Amino acid sequence: MPAYPAMAIITAYFLIKSPWEKIKKWNEIFISVLLFALTTAGVLYFDLNKAFIVISLIPLIFLKFDIKYAPAIGMLIFYVFLATAILPYLETYRQTKNLGQFIKELDPKGEYKTYQVGHFHHSLPFYAERKIIRDQTPEKNSLVIFEIGKFDGCEPIKRFYLYKGSESRLFKFLMDSKKGRNFSEFGVCVYL
């Protein structure tokens, strides 16, 4: 996402310097309408703040006054929409940080080995600030994070509802979060 504004500026520069006036005008219209449609679809589908629909009309208004930077302005508005509406929406479905915090509270000095049984969350070692051992049978006197039903060595102290897919695939993560797919319940226990 950080590359989008730069790409918009480079594309706008190319379109402005291009000798094809008709193509430039159609590209300005196409890009501005596409960004408006994407923002509107995102707002309506995810039930976000309707003000973004009004704000995304600005580039279309600029087109009426023949302002050549309408696509760049539209891309900037779309980027703000992603950063201030879509990403905060997704943060409510990213519980790995909360799980990491809980592990740190449970074992603040890092005295226990920590295992994850079942699906491994790659960002968990960062949030828990410790090594997470996977693909091994947990030893006694350790912390175990496990997908409910995949480990019966202890009862969970606390449960977390975590995403099992790749959060880096943004569109799939968005669709899965909206439909509640690819999530599973995980527990944390002290295995004695």
Protein backbone atom coordinates (compact mmCIF):
# COMPACT_ATOMS: atom_id res chain seq x y z
CA MET A 1 0.00 0.00 0.00
CA PRO A 2 2.75 2.56 0.64
CA ALA A 3 3.66 2.31 -3.08
CA TYR A 4 0.19 3.36 -4.31
CA PRO A 5 0.57 7.14 -3.90
CA ALA A 6 3.96 7.08 -5.64
CA MET A 7 2.53 4.91 -8.42
CA ALA A 8 -0.37 7.34 -8.82
CA ILE A 9 2.03 10.28 -9.14
CA ILE A 10 4.20 8.45 -11.68
CA THR A 11 1.14 7.37 -13.66
CA ALA A 12 -0.30 10.90 -13.56
CA TYR A 13 3.02 12.33 -14.77
CA PHE A 14 3.06 9.84 -17.66
CA LEU A 15 -0.53 10.66 -18.61
CA ILE A 16 0.06 14.42 -18.42
CA LYS A 17 3.21 14.26 -20.56
CA SER A 18 1.66 11.85 -23.04
CA PRO A 19 0.72 13.26 -26.47
CA TRP A 20 -2.56 11.36 -26.49
CA GLU A 21 -5.04 13.93 -25.17
CA LYS A 22 -8.10 11.76 -25.74
CA ILE A 23 -6.53 8.76 -24.03
CA LYS A 24 -5.48 10.93 -21.10
CA LYS A 25 -9.00 12.28 -20.67
CA TRP A 26 -10.56 8.79 -20.78
CA ASN A 27 -7.94 7.49 -18.34
CA GLU A 28 -8.68 10.35 -15.94
CA ILE A 29 -12.38 9.54 -16.11
CA PHE A 30 -11.84 5.77 -15.83
CA ILE A 31 -9.50 5.99 -12.85
CA SER A 32 -11.65 8.52 -11.01
CA VAL A 33 -14.83 6.49 -11.56
CA LEU A 34 -13.07 3.24 -10.61
CA LEU A 35 -11.78 4.69 -7.34
CA PHE A 36 -15.23 6.09 -6.55
CA ALA A 37 -16.81 2.68 -7.27
CA LEU A 38 -14.26 0.82 -5.12
CA THR A 39 -14.72 3.21 -2.21
CA THR A 40 -18.52 3.06 -2.47
CA ALA A 41 -18.49 -0.75 -2.68
CA GLY A 42 -16.17 -0.97 0.34
CA VAL A 43 -18.28 1.41 2.42
CA LEU A 44 -21.55 -0.35 1.61
CA TYR A 45 -20.25 -3.93 1.86
CA PHE A 46 -18.41 -3.46 5.17
CA ASP A 47 -20.96 -0.96 6.55
CA LEU A 48 -18.37 1.77 7.12
CA ASN A 49 -18.74 5.54 7.51
CA LYS A 50 -20.86 6.85 4.60
CA ALA A 51 -18.89 10.12 4.54
CA PHE A 52 -16.21 8.33 2.49
CA ILE A 53 -18.68 8.05 -0.40
CA VAL A 54 -19.16 11.82 -0.41
CA ILE A 55 -15.41 12.45 -0.12
CA SER A 56 -14.70 10.06 -3.00
CA LEU A 57 -16.88 12.25 -5.24
CA ILE A 58 -14.28 15.05 -5.12
CA PRO A 59 -12.17 13.73 -8.04
CA LEU A 60 -15.31 13.38 -10.18
CA ILE A 61 -16.17 17.02 -9.45
CA PHE A 62 -12.61 18.01 -10.41
CA LEU A 63 -13.10 16.26 -13.76
CA LYS A 64 -15.99 18.61 -14.51
CA PHE A 65 -13.62 21.58 -14.12
CA ASP A 66 -10.94 19.83 -16.22
CA ILE A 67 -8.42 19.53 -13.42
CA LYS A 68 -5.81 17.04 -14.64
CA TYR A 69 -4.82 15.82 -11.20
CA ALA A 70 -8.20 14.27 -10.41
CA PRO A 71 -6.86 10.66 -10.56
CA ALA A 72 -3.98 11.50 -8.19
CA ILE A 73 -6.41 13.19 -5.80
CA GLY A 74 -8.73 10.18 -6.12
CA MET A 75 -5.89 7.80 -5.30
CA LEU A 76 -4.92 9.87 -2.28
CA ILE A 77 -8.52 9.80 -1.04
CA PHE A 78 -8.69 6.04 -1.64
CA TYR A 79 -5.45 5.58 0.31
CA VAL A 80 -6.88 7.59 3.21
CA PHE A 81 -10.01 5.41 3.03
CA LEU A 82 -7.90 2.26 3.29
CA ALA A 83 -5.80 3.64 6.14
CA THR A 84 -8.62 5.13 8.22
CA ALA A 85 -11.57 2.82 7.53
CA ILE A 86 -10.55 -0.57 6.10
CA LEU A 87 -7.45 -1.20 8.22
CA PRO A 88 -9.14 -0.28 11.54
CA TYR A 89 -12.02 -2.58 10.53
CA LEU A 90 -9.52 -5.42 9.99
CA GLU A 91 -7.73 -4.74 13.28
CA THR A 92 -10.83 -5.94 15.13
CA TYR A 93 -10.23 -9.37 13.56
CA ARG A 94 -6.51 -9.51 14.35
CA GLN A 95 -6.39 -11.00 17.84
CA THR A 96 -2.80 -12.26 17.70
CA LYS A 97 -1.59 -9.09 19.44
CA ASN A 98 -4.05 -9.68 22.31
CA LEU A 99 -2.88 -13.29 22.57
CA GLY A 100 0.76 -12.14 22.74
CA GLN A 101 -0.12 -9.64 25.49
CA PHE A 102 -1.90 -12.36 27.46
CA ILE A 103 1.12 -14.67 27.21
CA LYS A 104 3.38 -11.87 28.48
CA GLU A 105 1.02 -11.26 31.41
CA LEU A 106 0.83 -14.99 32.17
CA ASP A 107 4.60 -15.42 32.13
CA PRO A 108 6.22 -11.96 32.39
CA LYS A 109 9.76 -13.27 32.97
CA GLY A 110 9.64 -15.82 30.15
CA GLU A 111 10.36 -18.75 32.46
CA TYR A 112 8.15 -21.24 30.60
CA LYS A 113 8.83 -22.71 27.19
CA THR A 114 5.97 -21.74 24.90
CA TYR A 115 4.44 -24.13 22.36
CA GLN A 116 1.80 -23.71 19.70
CA VAL A 117 -0.15 -26.82 18.70
CA GLY A 118 -2.19 -26.81 15.51
CA HIS A 119 -2.01 -23.76 13.26
CA PHE A 120 1.07 -21.56 13.81
CA HIS A 121 0.61 -17.78 13.82
CA HIS A 122 3.80 -16.26 12.41
CA SER A 123 3.39 -12.90 14.15
CA LEU A 124 2.91 -14.46 17.60
CA PRO A 125 6.64 -14.61 18.52
CA PHE A 126 6.82 -10.86 17.89
CA TYR A 127 3.78 -10.00 20.02
CA ALA A 128 4.62 -12.49 22.80
CA GLU A 129 8.28 -11.40 22.75
CA ARG A 130 9.56 -14.96 22.98
CA LYS A 131 10.37 -18.03 20.95
CA ILE A 132 7.31 -20.12 20.12
CA ILE A 133 8.06 -23.80 19.56
CA ARG A 134 5.91 -25.52 16.95
CA ASP A 135 5.59 -28.98 15.48
CA GLN A 136 6.70 -30.59 18.75
CA THR A 137 4.88 -32.27 21.62
CA PRO A 138 4.74 -29.82 24.55
CA GLU A 139 6.85 -30.62 27.60
CA LYS A 140 5.48 -30.46 31.14
CA ASN A 141 5.75 -27.05 32.86
CA SER A 142 5.22 -25.06 29.68
CA LEU A 143 2.72 -22.68 28.13
CA VAL A 144 0.66 -24.16 25.32
CA ILE A 145 -1.35 -22.27 22.72
CA PHE A 146 -3.58 -24.71 20.91
CA GLU A 147 -6.42 -24.90 18.48
CA ILE A 148 -9.44 -26.16 20.42
CA GLY A 149 -9.78 -29.88 19.77
CA LYS A 150 -6.14 -30.44 18.77
CA PHE A 151 -4.63 -30.72 22.27
CA ASP A 152 -6.21 -32.28 25.36
CA GLY A 153 -3.36 -31.96 27.86
CA CYS A 154 -4.98 -29.10 29.80
CA GLU A 155 -8.03 -26.86 29.97
CA PRO A 156 -7.70 -23.39 28.44
CA ILE A 157 -7.34 -20.48 30.83
CA LYS A 158 -8.48 -18.09 28.12
CA ARG A 159 -9.75 -18.48 24.56
CA PHE A 160 -9.05 -16.39 21.47
CA TYR A 161 -10.79 -16.34 18.09
CA LEU A 162 -7.94 -16.19 15.56
CA TYR A 163 -7.63 -16.01 11.78
CA LYS A 164 -5.94 -19.08 10.26
CA GLY A 165 -5.25 -17.65 6.80
CA SER A 166 -2.57 -15.27 5.64
CA GLU A 167 -3.29 -11.69 6.67
CA SER A 168 -0.94 -10.51 3.92
CA ARG A 169 -3.55 -11.51 1.33
CA LEU A 170 -5.58 -8.40 2.05
CA PHE A 171 -8.60 -9.00 -0.19
CA LYS A 172 -9.03 -12.61 1.00
CA PHE A 173 -8.62 -11.51 4.62
CA LEU A 174 -11.29 -8.82 4.06
CA MET A 175 -13.74 -11.32 2.57
CA ASP A 176 -13.04 -13.96 5.23
CA SER A 177 -13.49 -11.43 8.05
CA LYS A 178 -16.82 -10.26 6.64
CA LYS A 179 -18.11 -13.85 6.24
CA GLY A 180 -16.47 -15.24 9.40
CA ARG A 181 -14.55 -17.87 7.41
CA ASN A 182 -11.14 -19.33 8.20
CA PHE A 183 -11.27 -18.41 11.88
CA SER A 184 -10.84 -20.87 14.72
CA GLU A 185 -10.89 -20.84 18.49
CA PHE A 186 -7.56 -21.17 20.28
CA GLY A 187 -6.89 -21.71 23.96
CA VAL A 188 -3.94 -20.95 26.24
CA CYS A 189 -3.02 -23.12 29.19
CA VAL A 190 -0.17 -23.90 31.56
CA TYR A 191 0.69 -27.54 30.92
CA LEU A 192 1.70 -29.07 34.26
